[in-house]
Amino acid sequence: MQKDTLRLTEIFYSLQGEARTAGLPTVFVRLTGCPLRCHYCDTAYAFTGGEIHHLDAILEQVASYRPRHICVTGGEPLAQPNCLKLLEQLCDAGYQVSLETSGALDVSGVDVRVSKVVDLKTPGSGEMGRNLYANIAHLTPNDQVKFVICSREDYDWAVSKLIEYRLDQRAGEVWFSPSHGQVVPRELAEWIVADNLPVRFQLQLHKILWNDEPGH
């Protein structure tokens, strides 16, 4: 790949569907490629294909929406080294930037101004063995940790990691999200309340509003 370029699946403007800025108009920059194959993945169309874009062209297209919030997502954005440069330039441009990452790749080089949303993979994802726990040392109150819960077993595992790594003290928020079609949202909410967990329950707005159609 050429210098200062990224393989890009899409750029679109929509409402953020999850995490800290849920409900806010956001430009999404979806990079192509991912080394993981989680069972519940809803963006498999971003595994391959895409087109090569220069960073300047990406920044120009982002600016055309006049956004406040930018989310760099994938795939797995950090699978492309130039993602780090894109994040830095987006921050320099004055945007509030978040990065959705699997937690399987090193996050130590991510600009500290970026809110890292690190998805720790549960057993039900099929990719638990890819978790890079060294990333936890790089979490700050500006960052977020997400668990996608596929079963009661996943929930118990996530609680154990929450306690073991004191995640609620390292990150600004810890999110528990029910895997669509696998866990009844109300049940997960009741488990969280029963255990009085220091986490936030979330549903994905994009699935509710647009049935997870690409470009939303």
C-alpha atoms as a PDB file:
ATOM      1  CA  MET A   1       0.000   0.000   0.000  1.00  0.00           C
ATOM      2  CA  GLN A   2       1.223   3.494  -0.832  1.00  0.00           C
ATOM      3  CA  LYS A   3       2.420   5.921   1.805  1.00  0.00           C
ATOM      4  CA  ASP A   4      -0.332   7.877   3.635  1.00  0.00           C
ATOM      5  CA  THR A   5      -3.130   5.710   2.261  1.00  0.00           C
ATOM      6  CA  LEU A   6      -5.747   3.425   3.773  1.00  0.00           C
ATOM      7  CA  ARG A   7      -8.043   0.761   2.390  1.00  0.00           C
ATOM      8  CA  LEU A   8     -11.529   2.089   3.050  1.00  0.00           C
ATOM      9  CA  THR A   9     -14.899   0.340   2.919  1.00  0.00           C
ATOM     10  CA  GLU A  10     -17.138   3.371   3.464  1.00  0.00           C
ATOM     11  CA  ILE A  11     -17.619   6.784   5.010  1.00  0.00           C
ATOM     12  CA  PHE A  12     -21.107   7.716   6.134  1.00  0.00           C
ATOM     13  CA  TYR A  13     -22.942  10.102   8.464  1.00  0.00           C
ATOM     14  CA  SER A  14     -25.459   8.707  10.919  1.00  0.00           C
ATOM     15  CA  LEU A  15     -26.309   8.556  14.617  1.00  0.00           C
ATOM     16  CA  GLN A  16     -23.799   6.811  16.829  1.00  0.00           C
ATOM     17  CA  GLY A  17     -25.467   3.564  17.851  1.00  0.00           C
ATOM     18  CA  GLU A  18     -23.546   2.682  20.995  1.00  0.00           C
ATOM     19  CA  ALA A  19     -21.039   3.635  23.685  1.00  0.00           C
ATOM     20  CA  ARG A  20     -20.481   7.080  25.229  1.00  0.00           C
ATOM     21  CA  THR A  21     -21.698   9.220  22.334  1.00  0.00           C
ATOM     22  CA  ALA A  22     -24.761   7.103  21.456  1.00  0.00           C
ATOM     23  CA  GLY A  23     -27.436   9.148  19.753  1.00  0.00           C
ATOM     24  CA  LEU A  24     -25.090  11.902  18.543  1.00  0.00           C
ATOM     25  CA  PRO A  25     -24.629  12.610  14.826  1.00  0.00           C
ATOM     26  CA  THR A  26     -21.317  11.026  13.870  1.00  0.00           C
ATOM     27  CA  VAL A  27     -19.218  10.448  10.772  1.00  0.00           C
ATOM     28  CA  PHE A  28     -18.103   6.819  10.534  1.00  0.00           C
ATOM     29  CA  VAL A  29     -14.879   5.945   8.750  1.00  0.00           C
ATOM     30  CA  ARG A  30     -14.988   2.193   8.186  1.00  0.00           C
ATOM     31  CA  LEU A  31     -11.623   0.687   7.264  1.00  0.00           C
ATOM     32  CA  THR A  32     -11.353  -2.619   5.426  1.00  0.00           C
ATOM     33  CA  GLY A  33      -9.956  -5.853   6.835  1.00  0.00           C
ATOM     34  CA  CYS A  34     -10.020  -7.768  10.103  1.00  0.00           C
ATOM     35  CA  PRO A  35      -7.920 -10.666  11.419  1.00  0.00           C
ATOM     36  CA  LEU A  36     -10.756 -11.885  13.661  1.00  0.00           C
ATOM     37  CA  ARG A  37     -13.913 -13.816  12.812  1.00  0.00           C
ATOM     38  CA  CYS A  38     -16.288 -13.295  15.727  1.00  0.00           C
ATOM     39  CA  HIS A  39     -19.440 -15.405  15.540  1.00  0.00           C
ATOM     40  CA  TYR A  40     -21.721 -12.380  15.993  1.00  0.00           C
ATOM     41  CA  CYS A  41     -19.930 -10.042  13.562  1.00  0.00           C
ATOM     42  CA  ASP A  42     -22.339  -7.716  11.755  1.00  0.00           C
ATOM     43  CA  THR A  43     -19.800  -6.130   9.390  1.00  0.00           C
ATOM     44  CA  ALA A  44     -18.392  -9.102   7.491  1.00  0.00           C
ATOM     45  CA  TYR A  45     -18.776  -7.055   4.307  1.00  0.00           C
ATOM     46  CA  ALA A  46     -15.776  -5.019   5.532  1.00  0.00           C
ATOM     47  CA  PHE A  47     -13.422  -8.023   5.704  1.00  0.00           C
ATOM     48  CA  THR A  48     -12.329  -7.642   2.085  1.00  0.00           C
ATOM     49  CA  GLY A  49     -12.598  -5.295  -0.855  1.00  0.00           C
ATOM     50  CA  GLY A  50     -12.680  -1.596  -0.234  1.00  0.00           C
ATOM     51  CA  GLU A  51     -10.736   1.053  -2.121  1.00  0.00           C
ATOM     52  CA  ILE A  52      -7.423   2.769  -1.489  1.00  0.00           C
ATOM     53  CA  HIS A  53      -7.788   6.404  -0.380  1.00  0.00           C
ATOM     54  CA  HIS A  54      -5.176   8.989   0.508  1.00  0.00           C
ATOM     55  CA  LEU A  55      -5.457  10.391   4.024  1.00  0.00           C
ATOM     56  CA  ASP A  56      -6.029  13.879   2.642  1.00  0.00           C
ATOM     57  CA  ALA A  57      -9.006  12.631   0.635  1.00  0.00           C
ATOM     58  CA  ILE A  58     -10.487  10.951   3.693  1.00  0.00           C
ATOM     59  CA  LEU A  59     -10.100  14.113   5.757  1.00  0.00           C
ATOM     60  CA  GLU A  60     -11.700  16.169   2.993  1.00  0.00           C
ATOM     61  CA  GLN A  61     -14.707  13.863   2.774  1.00  0.00           C
ATOM     62  CA  VAL A  62     -15.110  13.834   6.558  1.00  0.00           C
ATOM     63  CA  ALA A  63     -15.011  17.634   6.659  1.00  0.00           C
ATOM     64  CA  SER A  64     -17.771  17.869   4.050  1.00  0.00           C
ATOM     65  CA  TYR A  65     -20.277  16.673   6.663  1.00  0.00           C
ATOM     66  CA  ARG A  66     -19.237  19.428   9.147  1.00  0.00           C
ATOM     67  CA  PRO A  67     -19.296  16.889  12.003  1.00  0.00           C
ATOM     68  CA  ARG A  68     -18.309  17.156  15.647  1.00  0.00           C
ATOM     69  CA  HIS A  69     -17.871  13.445  16.279  1.00  0.00           C
ATOM     70  CA  ILE A  70     -15.877  10.900  14.257  1.00  0.00           C
ATOM     71  CA  CYS A  71     -15.790   7.141  14.786  1.00  0.00           C
ATOM     72  CA  VAL A  72     -13.043   5.117  13.113  1.00  0.00           C
ATOM     73  CA  THR A  73     -14.207   1.532  12.870  1.00  0.00           C
ATOM     74  CA  GLY A  74     -13.895  -1.606  10.755  1.00  0.00           C
ATOM     75  CA  GLY A  75     -13.247  -4.430  10.377  1.00  0.00           C
ATOM     76  CA  GLU A  76     -10.350  -3.881  12.700  1.00  0.00           C
ATOM     77  CA  PRO A  77      -8.939  -0.402  12.040  1.00  0.00           C
ATOM     78  CA  LEU A  78      -5.591  -1.036  13.725  1.00  0.00           C
ATOM     79  CA  ALA A  79      -4.830  -3.808  11.226  1.00  0.00           C
ATOM     80  CA  GLN A  80      -3.737  -0.944   8.938  1.00  0.00           C
ATOM     81  CA  PRO A  81      -0.719   0.905  10.389  1.00  0.00           C
ATOM     82  CA  ASN A  82      -1.722   4.220   8.808  1.00  0.00           C
ATOM     83  CA  CYS A  83      -4.832   4.194  10.999  1.00  0.00           C
ATOM     84  CA  LEU A  84      -2.691   5.758  13.736  1.00  0.00           C
ATOM     85  CA  LYS A  85      -1.836   8.698  11.480  1.00  0.00           C
ATOM     86  CA  LEU A  86      -5.486   9.130  10.492  1.00  0.00           C
ATOM     87  CA  LEU A  87      -6.529   9.246  14.145  1.00  0.00           C
ATOM     88  CA  GLU A  88      -3.881  11.848  14.920  1.00  0.00           C
ATOM     89  CA  GLN A  89      -4.894  14.053  11.984  1.00  0.00           C
ATOM     90  CA  LEU A  90      -8.591  13.827  12.892  1.00  0.00           C
ATOM     91  CA  CYS A  91      -7.762  14.964  16.423  1.00  0.00           C
ATOM     92  CA  ASP A  92      -5.593  17.777  15.071  1.00  0.00           C
ATOM     93  CA  ALA A  93      -8.581  18.937  13.011  1.00  0.00           C
ATOM     94  CA  GLY A  94     -10.555  19.441  16.221  1.00  0.00           C
ATOM     95  CA  TYR A  95     -12.975  16.521  16.053  1.00  0.00           C
ATOM     96  CA  GLN A  96     -13.985  14.364  18.994  1.00  0.00           C
ATOM     97  CA  VAL A  97     -12.662  11.001  17.843  1.00  0.00           C
ATOM     98  CA  SER A  98     -13.405   7.454  18.952  1.00  0.00           C
ATOM     99  CA  LEU A  99     -11.843   4.192  17.780  1.00  0.00           C
ATOM    100  CA  GLU A 100     -13.686   0.870  17.788  1.00  0.00           C
ATOM    101  CA  THR A 101     -11.122  -1.907  18.183  1.00  0.00           C
ATOM    102  CA  SER A 102     -11.275  -5.607  18.930  1.00  0.00           C
ATOM    103  CA  GLY A 103      -8.631  -5.444  21.651  1.00  0.00           C
ATOM    104  CA  ALA A 104      -6.582  -8.034  19.787  1.00  0.00           C
ATOM    105  CA  LEU A 105      -4.018  -5.525  18.463  1.00  0.00           C
ATOM    106  CA  ASP A 106      -1.682  -3.184  20.310  1.00  0.00           C
ATOM    107  CA  VAL A 107      -3.353   0.123  21.237  1.00  0.00           C
ATOM    108  CA  SER A 108      -0.289   1.754  22.803  1.00  0.00           C
ATOM    109  CA  GLY A 109       0.357   3.932  19.738  1.00  0.00           C
ATOM    110  CA  VAL A 110      -3.153   5.416  19.605  1.00  0.00           C
ATOM    111  CA  ASP A 111      -3.276   9.180  20.170  1.00  0.00           C
ATOM    112  CA  VAL A 112      -4.274   9.876  23.780  1.00  0.00           C
ATOM    113  CA  ARG A 113      -6.956  12.292  22.571  1.00  0.00           C
ATOM    114  CA  VAL A 114      -8.855   9.378  21.013  1.00  0.00           C
ATOM    115  CA  SER A 115     -11.466   7.520  23.050  1.00  0.00           C
ATOM    116  CA  LYS A 116     -10.568   3.865  22.524  1.00  0.00           C
ATOM    117  CA  VAL A 117     -13.592   1.552  22.658  1.00  0.00           C
ATOM    118  CA  VAL A 118     -11.927  -1.800  23.353  1.00  0.00           C
ATOM    119  CA  ASP A 119     -14.088  -4.878  22.776  1.00  0.00           C
ATOM    120  CA  LEU A 120     -12.850  -7.658  25.048  1.00  0.00           C
ATOM    121  CA  LYS A 121     -13.857 -10.869  23.329  1.00  0.00           C
ATOM    122  CA  THR A 122     -16.017 -13.250  25.362  1.00  0.00           C
ATOM    123  CA  PRO A 123     -15.934 -17.055  25.014  1.00  0.00           C
ATOM    124  CA  GLY A 124     -19.112 -16.899  22.918  1.00  0.00           C
ATOM    125  CA  SER A 125     -17.388 -14.718  20.322  1.00  0.00           C
ATOM    126  CA  GLY A 126     -15.138 -17.603  19.323  1.00  0.00           C
ATOM    127  CA  GLU A 127     -12.136 -15.267  19.518  1.00  0.00           C
ATOM    128  CA  MET A 128     -11.445 -15.042  23.255  1.00  0.00           C
ATOM    129  CA  GLY A 129      -7.924 -16.338  22.696  1.00  0.00           C
ATOM    130  CA  ARG A 130      -7.091 -13.223  20.672  1.00  0.00           C
ATOM    131  CA  ASN A 131      -7.533 -10.798  23.598  1.00  0.00           C
ATOM    132  CA  LEU A 132      -4.360  -8.793  24.170  1.00  0.00           C
ATOM    133  CA  TYR A 133      -4.602  -8.137  27.898  1.00  0.00           C
ATOM    134  CA  ALA A 134      -1.507  -5.920  27.805  1.00  0.00           C
ATOM    135  CA  ASN A 135      -3.821  -3.313  26.281  1.00  0.00           C
ATOM    136  CA  ILE A 136      -5.523  -2.839  29.635  1.00  0.00           C
ATOM    137  CA  ALA A 137      -2.460  -1.020  30.966  1.00  0.00           C
ATOM    138  CA  HIS A 138      -2.998   1.619  28.256  1.00  0.00           C
ATOM    139  CA  LEU A 139      -6.598   2.410  29.223  1.00  0.00           C
ATOM    140  CA  THR A 140      -7.428   5.857  30.583  1.00  0.00           C
ATOM    141  CA  PRO A 141     -10.650   7.506  31.812  1.00  0.00           C
ATOM    142  CA  ASN A 142     -11.078   8.720  28.217  1.00  0.00           C
ATOM    143  CA  ASP A 143     -11.431   5.105  27.065  1.00  0.00           C
ATOM    144  CA  GLN A 144     -14.200   2.522  27.156  1.00  0.00           C
ATOM    145  CA  VAL A 145     -14.390  -1.267  27.438  1.00  0.00           C
ATOM    146  CA  LYS A 146     -17.156  -3.289  25.819  1.00  0.00           C
ATOM    147  CA  PHE A 147     -18.284  -6.877  26.358  1.00  0.00           C
ATOM    148  CA  VAL A 148     -20.731  -8.451  23.901  1.00  0.00           C
ATOM    149  CA  ILE A 149     -22.611 -11.016  25.986  1.00  0.00           C
ATOM    150  CA  CYS A 150     -23.759 -14.162  24.147  1.00  0.00           C
ATOM    151  CA  SER A 151     -24.876 -16.276  27.143  1.00  0.00           C
ATOM    152  CA  ARG A 152     -24.981 -16.458  30.929  1.00  0.00           C
ATOM    153  CA  GLU A 153     -21.532 -18.069  30.735  1.00  0.00           C
ATOM    154  CA  ASP A 154     -20.268 -15.036  28.830  1.00  0.00           C
ATOM    155  CA  TYR A 155     -21.762 -12.772  31.474  1.00  0.00           C
ATOM    156  CA  ASP A 156     -20.039 -14.625  34.318  1.00  0.00           C
ATOM    157  CA  TRP A 157     -16.744 -14.518  32.404  1.00  0.00           C
ATOM    158  CA  ALA A 158     -17.096 -10.780  31.757  1.00  0.00           C
ATOM    159  CA  VAL A 159     -17.807 -10.146  35.447  1.00  0.00           C
ATOM    160  CA  SER A 160     -14.661 -12.077  36.361  1.00  0.00           C
ATOM    161  CA  LYS A 161     -12.563  -9.907  34.008  1.00  0.00           C
ATOM    162  CA  LEU A 162     -14.209  -6.753  35.296  1.00  0.00           C
ATOM    163  CA  ILE A 163     -13.115  -7.677  38.818  1.00  0.00           C
ATOM    164  CA  GLU A 164      -9.701  -9.129  37.937  1.00  0.00           C
ATOM    165  CA  TYR A 165      -8.554  -6.069  35.997  1.00  0.00           C
ATOM    166  CA  ARG A 166     -10.581  -3.452  37.915  1.00  0.00           C
ATOM    167  CA  LEU A 167     -11.845  -2.241  34.572  1.00  0.00           C
ATOM    168  CA  ASP A 168     -14.338   0.204  36.045  1.00  0.00           C
ATOM    169  CA  GLN A 169     -11.405   2.039  37.654  1.00  0.00           C
ATOM    170  CA  ARG A 170      -9.229   2.064  34.538  1.00  0.00           C
ATOM    171  CA  ALA A 171     -11.713   3.072  31.842  1.00  0.00           C
ATOM    172  CA  GLY A 172     -14.321   5.799  31.798  1.00  0.00           C
ATOM    173  CA  GLU A 173     -17.124   3.328  31.058  1.00  0.00           C
ATOM    174  CA  VAL A 174     -17.563  -0.420  30.903  1.00  0.00           C
ATOM    175  CA  TRP A 175     -20.397  -1.546  28.625  1.00  0.00           C
ATOM    176  CA  PHE A 176     -22.314  -4.826  28.657  1.00  0.00           C
ATOM    177  CA  SER A 177     -24.201  -5.373  25.418  1.00  0.00           C
ATOM    178  CA  PRO A 178     -26.479  -8.343  24.599  1.00  0.00           C
ATOM    179  CA  SER A 179     -25.518 -10.204  21.451  1.00  0.00           C
ATOM    180  CA  HIS A 180     -28.407  -9.658  19.052  1.00  0.00           C
ATOM    181  CA  GLY A 181     -30.640 -12.725  18.942  1.00  0.00           C
ATOM    182  CA  GLN A 182     -28.608 -14.661  21.534  1.00  0.00           C
ATOM    183  CA  VAL A 183     -29.374 -12.977  24.858  1.00  0.00           C
ATOM    184  CA  VAL A 184     -32.699 -11.391  25.783  1.00  0.00           C
ATOM    185  CA  PRO A 185     -31.847  -7.764  26.623  1.00  0.00           C
ATOM    186  CA  ARG A 186     -34.137  -7.716  29.654  1.00  0.00           C
ATOM    187  CA  GLU A 187     -32.366 -10.749  31.124  1.00  0.00           C
ATOM    188  CA  LEU A 188     -28.961  -9.105  30.820  1.00  0.00           C
ATOM    189  CA  ALA A 189     -30.343  -5.947  32.418  1.00  0.00           C
ATOM    190  CA  GLU A 190     -31.684  -7.987  35.322  1.00  0.00           C
ATOM    191  CA  TRP A 191     -28.357  -9.797  35.823  1.00  0.00           C
ATOM    192  CA  ILE A 192     -26.537  -6.466  35.998  1.00  0.00           C
ATOM    193  CA  VAL A 193     -28.994  -5.057  38.527  1.00  0.00           C
ATOM    194  CA  ALA A 194     -28.968  -8.228  40.629  1.00  0.00           C
ATOM    195  CA  ASP A 195     -25.165  -8.122  40.886  1.00  0.00           C
ATOM    196  CA  ASN A 196     -25.048  -4.332  41.339  1.00  0.00           C
ATOM    197  CA  LEU A 197     -22.300  -4.077  38.731  1.00  0.00           C
ATOM    198  CA  PRO A 198     -20.412  -0.818  38.015  1.00  0.00           C
ATOM    199  CA  VAL A 199     -21.150  -1.175  34.285  1.00  0.00           C
ATOM    200  CA  ARG A 200     -23.539   0.349  31.779  1.00  0.00           C
ATOM    201  CA  PHE A 201     -26.086  -1.690  29.839  1.00  0.00           C
ATOM    202  CA  GLN A 202     -26.522  -0.798  26.192  1.00  0.00           C
ATOM    203  CA  LEU A 203     -28.598  -1.681  23.173  1.00  0.00           C
ATOM    204  CA  GLN A 204     -27.338  -0.877  19.682  1.00  0.00           C
ATOM    205  CA  LEU A 205     -29.484   1.932  18.304  1.00  0.00           C
ATOM    206  CA  HIS A 206     -28.506   1.207  14.695  1.00  0.00           C
ATOM    207  CA  LYS A 207     -30.029  -2.266  14.935  1.00  0.00           C
ATOM    208  CA  ILE A 208     -33.253  -0.854  16.372  1.00  0.00           C
ATOM    209  CA  LEU A 209     -33.532   2.047  13.911  1.00  0.00           C
ATOM    210  CA  TRP A 210     -32.110   0.638  10.668  1.00  0.00           C
ATOM    211  CA  ASN A 211     -31.851  -3.123  11.174  1.00  0.00           C
ATOM    212  CA  ASP A 212     -28.076  -2.736  10.821  1.00  0.00           C
ATOM    213  CA  GLU A 213     -28.204  -1.847   7.142  1.00  0.00           C
ATOM    214  CA  PRO A 214     -24.794  -0.837   5.711  1.00  0.00           C
ATOM    215  CA  GLY A 215     -24.334   2.907   5.643  1.00  0.00           C
ATOM    216  CA  HIS A 216     -26.226   3.457   8.899  1.00  0.00           C
END
